[in-house]
PDB file of all heavy atoms in Angstrom:
ATOM      1  N   SER A   1       0.848  -1.182   0.000  1.00  0.00           N
ATOM      2  CA  SER A   1       0.000   0.000   0.000  1.00  0.00           C
ATOM      3  C   SER A   1       0.890   1.240   0.000  1.00  0.00           C
ATOM      4  O   SER A   1       1.820   1.340   0.796  1.00  0.00           O
ATOM      5  CB  SER A   1      -0.877   0.007   1.252  1.00  0.00           C
ATOM      6  OG  SER A   1      -1.444   1.269   1.438  1.00  0.00           O
ATOM      7  N   LYS A   2       0.595   2.189  -0.864  1.00  0.00           N
ATOM      8  CA  LYS A   2       1.363   3.440  -0.892  1.00  0.00           C
ATOM      9  C   LYS A   2       1.156   4.247   0.385  1.00  0.00           C
ATOM     10  O   LYS A   2       2.017   5.000   0.799  1.00  0.00           O
ATOM     11  CB  LYS A   2       0.975   4.262  -2.122  1.00  0.00           C
ATOM     12  CG  LYS A   2       1.451   3.624  -3.406  1.00  0.00           C
ATOM     13  CD  LYS A   2       1.033   4.429  -4.606  1.00  0.00           C
ATOM     14  CE  LYS A   2       1.465   3.695  -5.864  1.00  0.00           C
ATOM     15  NZ  LYS A   2       0.922   4.245  -7.060  1.00  0.00           N
ATOM     16  N   ALA A   3       0.027   4.054   1.034  1.00  0.00           N
ATOM     17  CA  ALA A   3      -0.280   4.812   2.246  1.00  0.00           C
ATOM     18  C   ALA A   3       0.590   4.390   3.433  1.00  0.00           C
ATOM     19  O   ALA A   3       0.869   5.196   4.306  1.00  0.00           O
ATOM     20  CB  ALA A   3      -1.756   4.636   2.608  1.00  0.00           C
ATOM     21  N   TYR A   4       1.036   3.151   3.469  1.00  0.00           N
ATOM     22  CA  TYR A   4       1.774   2.651   4.623  1.00  0.00           C
ATOM     23  C   TYR A   4       3.260   2.418   4.384  1.00  0.00           C
ATOM     24  O   TYR A   4       4.049   2.477   5.308  1.00  0.00           O
ATOM     25  CB  TYR A   4       1.167   1.328   5.113  1.00  0.00           C
ATOM     26  CG  TYR A   4      -0.193   1.488   5.722  1.00  0.00           C
ATOM     27  CD1 TYR A   4      -1.320   1.008   5.084  1.00  0.00           C
ATOM     28  CD2 TYR A   4      -0.356   2.112   6.949  1.00  0.00           C
ATOM     29  CE1 TYR A   4      -2.573   1.146   5.637  1.00  0.00           C
ATOM     30  CE2 TYR A   4      -1.611   2.263   7.516  1.00  0.00           C
ATOM     31  CZ  TYR A   4      -2.712   1.776   6.849  1.00  0.00           C
ATOM     32  OH  TYR A   4      -3.941   1.916   7.404  1.00  0.00           O
ATOM     33  N   GLY A   5       3.656   2.090   3.189  1.00  0.00           N
ATOM     34  CA  GLY A   5       5.058   1.766   2.933  1.00  0.00           C
ATOM     35  C   GLY A   5       5.385   0.353   3.390  1.00  0.00           C
ATOM     36  O   GLY A   5       4.510  -0.490   3.508  1.00  0.00           O
ATOM     37  N   LEU A   6       6.651   0.106   3.681  1.00  0.00           N
ATOM     38  CA  LEU A   6       7.087  -1.226   4.090  1.00  0.00           C
ATOM     39  C   LEU A   6       6.434  -1.655   5.402  1.00  0.00           C
ATOM     40  O   LEU A   6       6.240  -0.831   6.301  1.00  0.00           O
ATOM     41  CB  LEU A   6       8.607  -1.259   4.286  1.00  0.00           C
ATOM     42  CG  LEU A   6       9.479  -1.241   3.052  1.00  0.00           C
ATOM     43  CD1 LEU A   6      10.958  -1.186   3.458  1.00  0.00           C
ATOM     44  CD2 LEU A   6       9.222  -2.441   2.172  1.00  0.00           C
ATOM     45  N   PRO A   7       6.107  -2.933   5.534  1.00  0.00           N
ATOM     46  CA  PRO A   7       5.618  -3.428   6.821  1.00  0.00           C
ATOM     47  C   PRO A   7       6.640  -3.158   7.923  1.00  0.00           C
ATOM     48  O   PRO A   7       7.847  -3.159   7.686  1.00  0.00           O
ATOM     49  CB  PRO A   7       5.463  -4.929   6.566  1.00  0.00           C
ATOM     50  CG  PRO A   7       5.167  -5.018   5.099  1.00  0.00           C
ATOM     51  CD  PRO A   7       6.049  -3.956   4.492  1.00  0.00           C
ATOM     52  N   ARG A   8       6.123  -2.910   9.134  1.00  0.00           N
ATOM     53  CA  ARG A   8       6.966  -2.544  10.271  1.00  0.00           C
ATOM     54  C   ARG A   8       6.812  -3.557  11.402  1.00  0.00           C
ATOM     55  O   ARG A   8       5.815  -4.277  11.479  1.00  0.00           O
ATOM     56  CB  ARG A   8       6.555  -1.166  10.794  1.00  0.00           C
ATOM     57  CG  ARG A   8       6.665  -0.060   9.770  1.00  0.00           C
ATOM     58  CD  ARG A   8       5.998   1.183  10.271  1.00  0.00           C
ATOM     59  NE  ARG A   8       4.581   0.869  10.516  1.00  0.00           N
ATOM     60  CZ  ARG A   8       3.726   1.683  11.090  1.00  0.00           C
ATOM     61  NH1 ARG A   8       4.097   2.865  11.478  1.00  0.00           N
ATOM     62  NH2 ARG A   8       2.484   1.335  11.280  1.00  0.00           N
ATOM     63  N   THR A   9       7.761  -3.525  12.300  1.00  0.00           N
ATOM     64  CA  THR A   9       7.681  -4.349  13.501  1.00  0.00           C
ATOM     65  C   THR A   9       6.356  -4.071  14.209  1.00  0.00           C
ATOM     66  O   THR A   9       5.990  -2.914  14.411  1.00  0.00           O
ATOM     67  CB  THR A   9       8.863  -4.025  14.442  1.00  0.00           C
ATOM     68  OG1 THR A   9      10.075  -4.282  13.738  1.00  0.00           O
ATOM     69  CG2 THR A   9       8.800  -4.853  15.715  1.00  0.00           C
ATOM     70  N   GLY A  10       5.642  -5.125  14.542  1.00  0.00           N
ATOM     71  CA  GLY A  10       4.361  -4.994  15.229  1.00  0.00           C
ATOM     72  C   GLY A  10       3.158  -5.085  14.314  1.00  0.00           C
ATOM     73  O   GLY A  10       2.045  -5.306  14.790  1.00  0.00           O
ATOM     74  N   ASP A  11       3.358  -4.917  13.003  1.00  0.00           N
ATOM     75  CA  ASP A  11       2.245  -5.126  12.074  1.00  0.00           C
ATOM     76  C   ASP A  11       1.858  -6.604  12.097  1.00  0.00           C
ATOM     77  O   ASP A  11       2.675  -7.476  12.411  1.00  0.00           O
ATOM     78  CB  ASP A  11       2.632  -4.731  10.649  1.00  0.00           C
ATOM     79  CG  ASP A  11       2.750  -3.225  10.450  1.00  0.00           C
ATOM     80  OD1 ASP A  11       2.311  -2.453  11.321  1.00  0.00           O
ATOM     81  OD2 ASP A  11       3.301  -2.822   9.408  1.00  0.00           O
ATOM     82  N   LEU A  12       0.620  -6.882  11.745  1.00  0.00           N
ATOM     83  CA  LEU A  12       0.142  -8.263  11.733  1.00  0.00           C
ATOM     84  C   LEU A  12       0.373  -8.892  10.373  1.00  0.00           C
ATOM     85  O   LEU A  12       0.173  -8.260   9.341  1.00  0.00           O
ATOM     86  CB  LEU A  12      -1.340  -8.318  12.075  1.00  0.00           C
ATOM     87  CG  LEU A  12      -1.724  -7.728  13.420  1.00  0.00           C
ATOM     88  CD1 LEU A  12      -3.192  -7.975  13.703  1.00  0.00           C
ATOM     89  CD2 LEU A  12      -0.869  -8.298  14.533  1.00  0.00           C
ATOM     90  N   VAL A  13       0.793 -10.129  10.383  1.00  0.00           N
ATOM     91  CA  VAL A  13       1.042 -10.882   9.160  1.00  0.00           C
ATOM     92  C   VAL A  13       0.033 -12.028   9.093  1.00  0.00           C
ATOM     93  O   VAL A  13      -0.222 -12.700  10.093  1.00  0.00           O
ATOM     94  CB  VAL A  13       2.508 -11.402   9.105  1.00  0.00           C
ATOM     95  CG1 VAL A  13       2.829 -12.296  10.278  1.00  0.00           C
ATOM     96  CG2 VAL A  13       2.807 -12.105   7.808  1.00  0.00           C
ATOM     97  N   GLY A  14      -0.582 -12.195   7.933  1.00  0.00           N
ATOM     98  CA  GLY A  14      -1.574 -13.256   7.753  1.00  0.00           C
ATOM     99  C   GLY A  14      -1.220 -14.161   6.594  1.00  0.00           C
ATOM    100  O   GLY A  14      -0.718 -13.706   5.564  1.00  0.00           O
ATOM    101  N   TYR A  15      -1.481 -15.429   6.783  1.00  0.00           N
ATOM    102  CA  TYR A  15      -1.199 -16.444   5.765  1.00  0.00           C
ATOM    103  C   TYR A  15      -2.503 -17.123   5.373  1.00  0.00           C
ATOM    104  O   TYR A  15      -3.311 -17.478   6.235  1.00  0.00           O
ATOM    105  CB  TYR A  15      -0.251 -17.513   6.307  1.00  0.00           C
ATOM    106  CG  TYR A  15       1.009 -16.951   6.901  1.00  0.00           C
ATOM    107  CD1 TYR A  15       1.097 -16.682   8.260  1.00  0.00           C
ATOM    108  CD2 TYR A  15       2.110 -16.683   6.105  1.00  0.00           C
ATOM    109  CE1 TYR A  15       2.252 -16.160   8.814  1.00  0.00           C
ATOM    110  CE2 TYR A  15       3.270 -16.159   6.644  1.00  0.00           C
ATOM    111  CZ  TYR A  15       3.332 -15.901   8.008  1.00  0.00           C
ATOM    112  OH  TYR A  15       4.477 -15.385   8.551  1.00  0.00           O
ATOM    113  N   ASP A  16      -2.680 -17.335   4.078  1.00  0.00           N
ATOM    114  CA  ASP A  16      -3.868 -18.075   3.638  1.00  0.00           C
ATOM    115  C   ASP A  16      -3.502 -19.467   3.119  1.00  0.00           C
ATOM    116  O   ASP A  16      -4.364 -20.264   2.823  1.00  0.00           O
ATOM    117  CB  ASP A  16      -4.667 -17.295   2.597  1.00  0.00           C
ATOM    118  CG  ASP A  16      -3.893 -16.981   1.329  1.00  0.00           C
ATOM    119  OD1 ASP A  16      -2.808 -17.555   1.091  1.00  0.00           O
ATOM    120  OD2 ASP A  16      -4.387 -16.146   0.550  1.00  0.00           O
ATOM    121  N   TRP A  17      -2.202 -19.753   3.039  1.00  0.00           N
ATOM    122  CA  TRP A  17      -1.699 -21.055   2.584  1.00  0.00           C
ATOM    123  C   TRP A  17      -2.432 -21.521   1.320  1.00  0.00           C
ATOM    124  O   TRP A  17      -2.845 -22.658   1.194  1.00  0.00           O
ATOM    125  CB  TRP A  17      -1.792 -22.112   3.690  1.00  0.00           C
ATOM    126  CG  TRP A  17      -1.203 -21.695   4.990  1.00  0.00           C
ATOM    127  CD1 TRP A  17      -1.846 -21.647   6.184  1.00  0.00           C
ATOM    128  CD2 TRP A  17       0.147 -21.251   5.265  1.00  0.00           C
ATOM    129  NE1 TRP A  17      -0.991 -21.201   7.173  1.00  0.00           N
ATOM    130  CE2 TRP A  17       0.235 -20.954   6.637  1.00  0.00           C
ATOM    131  CE3 TRP A  17       1.275 -21.074   4.480  1.00  0.00           C
ATOM    132  CZ2 TRP A  17       1.402 -20.503   7.239  1.00  0.00           C
ATOM    133  CZ3 TRP A  17       2.442 -20.609   5.091  1.00  0.00           C
ATOM    134  CH2 TRP A  17       2.493 -20.338   6.443  1.00  0.00           C
ATOM    135  N   ASN A  18      -2.645 -20.573   0.390  1.00  0.00           N
ATOM    136  CA  ASN A  18      -3.299 -20.827  -0.897  1.00  0.00           C
ATOM    137  C   ASN A  18      -4.754 -21.277  -0.767  1.00  0.00           C
ATOM    138  O   ASN A  18      -5.274 -21.984  -1.609  1.00  0.00           O
ATOM    139  CB  ASN A  18      -2.494 -21.826  -1.735  1.00  0.00           C
ATOM    140  CG  ASN A  18      -1.133 -21.288  -2.078  1.00  0.00           C
ATOM    141  OD1 ASN A  18      -0.987 -20.139  -2.470  1.00  0.00           O
ATOM    142  ND2 ASN A  18      -0.112 -22.111  -1.897  1.00  0.00           N
ATOM    143  N   LYS A  19      -5.399 -20.854   0.291  1.00  0.00           N
ATOM    144  CA  LYS A  19      -6.823 -21.132   0.492  1.00  0.00           C
ATOM    145  C   LYS A  19      -7.592 -19.835   0.275  1.00  0.00           C
ATOM    146  O   LYS A  19      -7.032 -18.795  -0.005  1.00  0.00           O
ATOM    147  CB  LYS A  19      -7.068 -21.658   1.905  1.00  0.00           C
ATOM    148  CG  LYS A  19      -6.229 -22.845   2.290  1.00  0.00           C
ATOM    149  CD  LYS A  19      -6.951 -24.124   2.009  1.00  0.00           C
ATOM    150  CE  LYS A  19      -6.258 -25.279   2.681  1.00  0.00           C
ATOM    151  NZ  LYS A  19      -5.553 -26.184   1.924  1.00  0.00           N
ATOM    152  N   ALA A  20      -8.893 -19.878   0.475  1.00  0.00           N
ATOM    153  CA  ALA A  20      -9.744 -18.716   0.217  1.00  0.00           C
ATOM    154  C   ALA A  20      -9.676 -17.653   1.306  1.00  0.00           C
ATOM    155  O   ALA A  20     -10.083 -16.523   1.080  1.00  0.00           O
ATOM    156  CB  ALA A  20     -11.190 -19.174   0.033  1.00  0.00           C
ATOM    157  N   THR A  21      -9.184 -17.991   2.489  1.00  0.00           N
ATOM    158  CA  THR A  21      -9.199 -17.043   3.593  1.00  0.00           C
ATOM    159  C   THR A  21      -7.950 -17.205   4.471  1.00  0.00           C
ATOM    160  O   THR A  21      -7.307 -18.247   4.452  1.00  0.00           O
ATOM    161  CB  THR A  21     -10.479 -17.214   4.448  1.00  0.00           C
ATOM    162  OG1 THR A  21     -10.568 -16.142   5.374  1.00  0.00           O
ATOM    163  CG2 THR A  21     -10.499 -18.539   5.169  1.00  0.00           C
ATOM    164  N   VAL A  22      -7.638 -16.176   5.230  1.00  0.00           N
ATOM    165  CA  VAL A  22      -6.493 -16.215   6.142  1.00  0.00           C
ATOM    166  C   VAL A  22      -6.771 -17.238   7.247  1.00  0.00           C
ATOM    167  O   VAL A  22      -7.833 -17.233   7.862  1.00  0.00           O
ATOM    168  CB  VAL A  22      -6.243 -14.822   6.766  1.00  0.00           C
ATOM    169  CG1 VAL A  22      -5.187 -14.895   7.855  1.00  0.00           C
ATOM    170  CG2 VAL A  22      -5.834 -13.829   5.694  1.00  0.00           C
ATOM    171  N   SER A  23      -5.795 -18.106   7.495  1.00  0.00           N
ATOM    172  CA  SER A  23      -5.967 -19.137   8.520  1.00  0.00           C
ATOM    173  C   SER A  23      -4.882 -19.109   9.598  1.00  0.00           C
ATOM    174  O   SER A  23      -4.900 -19.933  10.507  1.00  0.00           O
ATOM    175  CB  SER A  23      -6.011 -20.521   7.866  1.00  0.00           C
ATOM    176  OG  SER A  23      -4.821 -20.755   7.153  1.00  0.00           O
ATOM    177  N   HIS A  24      -3.936 -18.162   9.504  1.00  0.00           N
ATOM    178  CA  HIS A  24      -2.889 -18.051  10.527  1.00  0.00           C
ATOM    179  C   HIS A  24      -2.439 -16.600  10.601  1.00  0.00           C
ATOM    180  O   HIS A  24      -2.326 -15.921   9.578  1.00  0.00           O
ATOM    181  CB  HIS A  24      -1.709 -18.962  10.173  1.00  0.00           C
ATOM    182  CG  HIS A  24      -0.647 -19.013  11.222  1.00  0.00           C
ATOM    183  ND1 HIS A  24      -0.861 -19.527  12.483  1.00  0.00           N
ATOM    184  CD2 HIS A  24       0.643 -18.612  11.201  1.00  0.00           C
ATOM    185  CE1 HIS A  24       0.257 -19.444  13.183  1.00  0.00           C
ATOM    186  NE2 HIS A  24       1.182 -18.882  12.434  1.00  0.00           N
ATOM    187  N   VAL A  25      -2.184 -16.119  11.827  1.00  0.00           N
ATOM    188  CA  VAL A  25      -1.798 -14.726  12.043  1.00  0.00           C
ATOM    189  C   VAL A  25      -0.649 -14.659  13.037  1.00  0.00           C
ATOM    190  O   VAL A  25      -0.535 -15.504  13.930  1.00  0.00           O
ATOM    191  CB  VAL A  25      -3.007 -13.884  12.536  1.00  0.00           C
ATOM    192  CG1 VAL A  25      -3.528 -14.376  13.877  1.00  0.00           C
ATOM    193  CG2 VAL A  25      -2.680 -12.406  12.580  1.00  0.00           C
ATOM    194  N   GLY A  26       0.201 -13.675  12.862  1.00  0.00           N
ATOM    195  CA  GLY A  26       1.311 -13.417  13.774  1.00  0.00           C
ATOM    196  C   GLY A  26       1.728 -11.962  13.644  1.00  0.00           C
ATOM    197  O   GLY A  26       0.987 -11.130  13.108  1.00  0.00           O
ATOM    198  N   PHE A  27       2.931 -11.661  14.112  1.00  0.00           N
ATOM    199  CA  PHE A  27       3.467 -10.305  14.067  1.00  0.00           C
ATOM    200  C   PHE A  27       4.696 -10.237  13.168  1.00  0.00           C
ATOM    201  O   PHE A  27       5.499 -11.163  13.152  1.00  0.00           O
ATOM    202  CB  PHE A  27       3.916  -9.848  15.465  1.00  0.00           C
ATOM    203  CG  PHE A  27       2.804  -9.646  16.432  1.00  0.00           C
ATOM    204  CD1 PHE A  27       2.490 -10.633  17.350  1.00  0.00           C
ATOM    205  CD2 PHE A  27       2.085  -8.469  16.438  1.00  0.00           C
ATOM    206  CE1 PHE A  27       1.469 -10.438  18.261  1.00  0.00           C
ATOM    207  CE2 PHE A  27       1.059  -8.271  17.350  1.00  0.00           C
ATOM    208  CZ  PHE A  27       0.747  -9.261  18.257  1.00  0.00           C
TER     209      PHE A  27
END
């Protein structure tokens, strides 16, 4: 996103493992 720039420490990361929805979250 141009509004945020590079992800930063503390942002949430989500994985969908090639499925239709996010199934795992971390930092």
